[in-house]
Amino acid sequence: MRETPEELVDLQSLLSSSLSGSTAHLRSIVEGRTITAAQLTGVLTGMCTLALSTVTAQGEPRISGVDGHFLHGRWHFGTARTAAKARHLAARPAASVAHLRGEDLGVFTHGTVEEMNPRGAEPTADWQELLAYLQHHYGDDDAFDWNHEVVYYRLNPHWMTVYAPDLDKLTAV
């Protein structure tokens, strides 16, 4: 867990406002079957496979898988700069991600992506921290150029909800 107390407060506020503003149908599924921001950050450790949804120039939805890392209360993920999803996100930065673990966990997020290491521009202030984390996670074996061959994004969420009916199942070793 890398979240500051302020980031946990912000995440809890987002989770609460997202659920309260959702449809009655969604609330009937999720209410009483969710977890707190602090619990969520304890569950979303390491790499989490995400289903990433982008939109083509013609408005057609596209979904693909990415390695997601939940850090500081936000999803971070990367792809090759030449990938179709990179072109989609450069032109239309709105995105949705879902992380599912069978029937035990569903984390659904809508927001806008921000490039962490944009080509030809200054990286975000926290790019070096993210890069160090990624190199520790994946290994820094010079398999590719982290700053030029891949692009990393942070999804700044405006909506997020969590379905987790049994926290004990998620935290059991």
Protein backbone atom coordinates (compact mmCIF):
# COMPACT_ATOMS: atom_id res chain seq x y z
CA MET A 1 0.00 0.00 0.00
CA ARG A 2 1.57 3.26 -1.17
CA GLU A 3 -1.33 5.61 -0.49
CA THR A 4 -1.01 8.59 1.81
CA PRO A 5 -3.79 9.30 4.33
CA GLU A 6 -5.02 12.11 2.03
CA GLU A 7 -5.10 9.77 -0.98
CA LEU A 8 -7.14 7.25 1.02
CA VAL A 9 -9.62 9.97 1.98
CA ASP A 10 -9.91 11.04 -1.67
CA LEU A 11 -10.35 7.44 -2.83
CA GLN A 12 -13.01 6.75 -0.21
CA SER A 13 -14.84 9.91 -1.24
CA LEU A 14 -14.74 8.78 -4.88
CA LEU A 15 -16.01 5.30 -4.02
CA SER A 16 -18.82 6.69 -1.89
CA SER A 17 -19.95 9.37 -4.37
CA SER A 18 -19.75 6.95 -7.31
CA LEU A 19 -21.95 4.40 -5.60
CA SER A 20 -24.44 6.92 -4.28
CA GLY A 21 -24.79 8.44 -7.75
CA SER A 22 -25.22 5.09 -9.49
CA THR A 23 -28.43 3.53 -10.72
CA ALA A 24 -30.71 1.69 -8.33
CA HIS A 25 -29.86 -1.52 -10.18
CA LEU A 26 -26.12 -1.18 -9.56
CA ARG A 27 -26.64 -0.14 -5.94
CA SER A 28 -28.81 -3.23 -5.41
CA ILE A 29 -25.87 -5.40 -6.49
CA VAL A 30 -22.99 -3.57 -4.80
CA GLU A 31 -24.34 -2.06 -1.56
CA GLY A 32 -23.41 -4.31 1.35
CA ARG A 33 -20.93 -6.12 -0.91
CA THR A 34 -18.17 -3.58 -1.18
CA ILE A 35 -15.02 -2.64 0.72
CA THR A 36 -13.38 0.55 1.93
CA ALA A 37 -10.60 2.43 0.20
CA ALA A 38 -8.08 1.16 2.76
CA GLN A 39 -9.22 -2.43 2.24
CA LEU A 40 -9.12 -2.01 -1.54
CA THR A 41 -5.53 -0.76 -1.53
CA GLY A 42 -4.59 -3.79 0.57
CA VAL A 43 -6.13 -6.12 -2.01
CA LEU A 44 -4.85 -4.43 -5.19
CA THR A 45 -1.15 -5.12 -4.78
CA GLY A 46 1.34 -6.05 -7.46
CA MET A 47 0.26 -6.47 -11.05
CA CYS A 48 -3.48 -6.74 -11.71
CA THR A 49 -4.71 -7.66 -15.19
CA LEU A 50 -7.06 -4.97 -16.47
CA ALA A 51 -9.57 -4.96 -19.28
CA LEU A 52 -9.01 -1.53 -20.87
CA SER A 53 -11.71 0.05 -22.99
CA THR A 54 -10.87 2.73 -25.56
CA VAL A 55 -12.75 4.21 -28.52
CA THR A 56 -11.73 4.39 -32.18
CA ALA A 57 -12.02 7.53 -34.31
CA GLN A 58 -15.29 6.09 -35.66
CA GLY A 59 -16.68 5.79 -32.11
CA GLU A 60 -16.33 2.01 -32.00
CA PRO A 61 -15.39 0.50 -28.63
CA ARG A 62 -12.22 -1.54 -28.30
CA ILE A 63 -11.13 -3.64 -25.35
CA SER A 64 -7.73 -5.07 -24.60
CA GLY A 65 -5.73 -6.37 -21.69
CA VAL A 66 -3.00 -4.43 -19.87
CA ASP A 67 -0.90 -4.90 -16.76
CA GLY A 68 -2.39 -2.61 -14.15
CA HIS A 69 -0.76 -1.32 -10.99
CA PHE A 70 -2.90 0.42 -8.36
CA LEU A 71 -0.69 3.07 -6.79
CA HIS A 72 -1.64 6.21 -4.88
CA GLY A 73 -5.33 5.42 -5.37
CA ARG A 74 -5.17 5.28 -9.17
CA TRP A 75 -4.61 2.71 -11.89
CA HIS A 76 -1.34 2.90 -13.85
CA PHE A 77 -0.75 0.86 -17.00
CA GLY A 78 1.43 0.86 -20.08
CA THR A 79 1.61 -0.27 -23.66
CA ALA A 80 3.86 -0.01 -26.69
CA ARG A 81 3.85 3.44 -28.23
CA THR A 82 2.91 1.78 -31.54
CA ALA A 83 -0.16 -0.01 -30.14
CA ALA A 84 -3.63 0.91 -31.39
CA LYS A 85 -4.72 1.66 -27.81
CA ALA A 86 -1.91 4.25 -27.54
CA ARG A 87 -3.25 6.01 -30.66
CA HIS A 88 -6.81 5.85 -29.30
CA LEU A 89 -5.80 7.30 -25.93
CA ALA A 90 -3.69 10.06 -27.50
CA ALA A 91 -6.71 11.24 -29.51
CA ARG A 92 -9.46 10.39 -27.00
CA PRO A 93 -8.12 10.11 -23.43
CA ALA A 94 -11.37 8.92 -21.85
CA ALA A 95 -11.03 5.28 -20.78
CA SER A 96 -12.61 2.62 -18.63
CA VAL A 97 -10.91 -0.28 -16.90
CA ALA A 98 -12.18 -3.35 -15.11
CA HIS A 99 -10.27 -5.70 -12.86
CA LEU A 100 -12.09 -8.96 -12.11
CA ARG A 101 -11.20 -11.92 -9.93
CA GLY A 102 -13.93 -14.43 -10.65
CA GLU A 103 -17.00 -13.69 -8.54
CA ASP A 104 -14.90 -12.41 -5.64
CA LEU A 105 -13.82 -8.97 -6.85
CA GLY A 106 -14.82 -6.45 -9.46
CA VAL A 107 -13.24 -3.00 -9.63
CA PHE A 108 -14.76 -0.76 -12.30
CA THR A 109 -13.28 2.65 -13.11
CA HIS A 110 -14.06 5.42 -15.60
CA GLY A 111 -11.80 8.41 -16.10
CA THR A 112 -9.28 10.23 -18.23
CA VAL A 113 -5.74 9.05 -18.85
CA GLU A 114 -2.64 11.12 -18.40
CA GLU A 115 0.64 10.15 -20.08
CA MET A 116 3.35 9.71 -17.48
CA ASN A 117 6.27 9.73 -19.94
CA PRO A 118 5.11 11.61 -23.06
CA ARG A 119 7.38 11.53 -26.08
CA GLY A 120 9.12 14.84 -26.69
CA ALA A 121 7.84 16.43 -23.47
CA GLU A 122 8.69 16.46 -19.80
CA PRO A 123 7.49 13.42 -17.85
CA THR A 124 5.15 13.87 -14.91
CA ALA A 125 6.73 14.80 -11.60
CA ASP A 126 6.23 11.26 -10.29
CA TRP A 127 7.42 9.37 -13.40
CA GLN A 128 10.76 8.47 -11.82
CA GLU A 129 8.97 6.99 -8.78
CA LEU A 130 6.69 4.94 -11.06
CA LEU A 131 9.64 3.89 -13.24
CA ALA A 132 11.59 2.66 -10.19
CA TYR A 133 8.53 0.70 -9.04
CA LEU A 134 8.04 -0.85 -12.51
CA GLN A 135 11.71 -1.75 -12.91
CA HIS A 136 11.66 -3.39 -9.48
CA HIS A 137 8.48 -5.30 -10.39
CA TYR A 138 9.48 -6.40 -13.91
CA GLY A 139 13.25 -6.24 -13.61
CA ASP A 140 15.54 -3.74 -15.28
CA ASP A 141 17.07 -6.05 -17.86
CA ASP A 142 17.30 -3.62 -20.78
CA ALA A 143 14.69 -5.63 -22.71
CA PHE A 144 13.35 -2.31 -23.99
CA ASP A 145 13.74 1.41 -23.51
CA TRP A 146 11.33 2.42 -20.72
CA ASN A 147 11.29 6.06 -21.78
CA HIS A 148 10.86 5.65 -25.54
CA GLU A 149 9.38 2.25 -26.48
CA VAL A 150 6.55 2.17 -23.96
CA VAL A 151 4.10 4.76 -22.78
CA TYR A 152 2.65 4.65 -19.29
CA TYR A 153 -0.64 6.15 -18.24
CA ARG A 154 -2.35 7.11 -15.01
CA LEU A 155 -6.13 6.84 -15.10
CA ASN A 156 -7.52 9.83 -13.22
CA PRO A 157 -10.92 8.49 -12.20
CA HIS A 158 -14.18 10.35 -12.02
CA TRP A 159 -16.14 7.18 -11.14
CA MET A 160 -15.16 3.94 -9.43
CA THR A 161 -17.04 1.16 -7.73
CA VAL A 162 -16.01 -2.10 -6.12
CA TYR A 163 -17.89 -5.37 -5.80
CA ALA A 164 -16.29 -7.56 -3.11
CA PRO A 165 -18.85 -9.72 -1.30
CA ASP A 166 -16.32 -11.51 0.96
CA LEU A 167 -13.16 -9.66 1.99
CA ASP A 168 -11.90 -12.73 3.84
CA LYS A 169 -11.72 -14.67 0.56
CA LEU A 170 -9.66 -11.88 -0.98
CA THR A 171 -7.17 -11.70 1.86
CA ALA A 172 -6.81 -15.42 2.57
CA VAL A 173 -3.29 -16.72 1.97
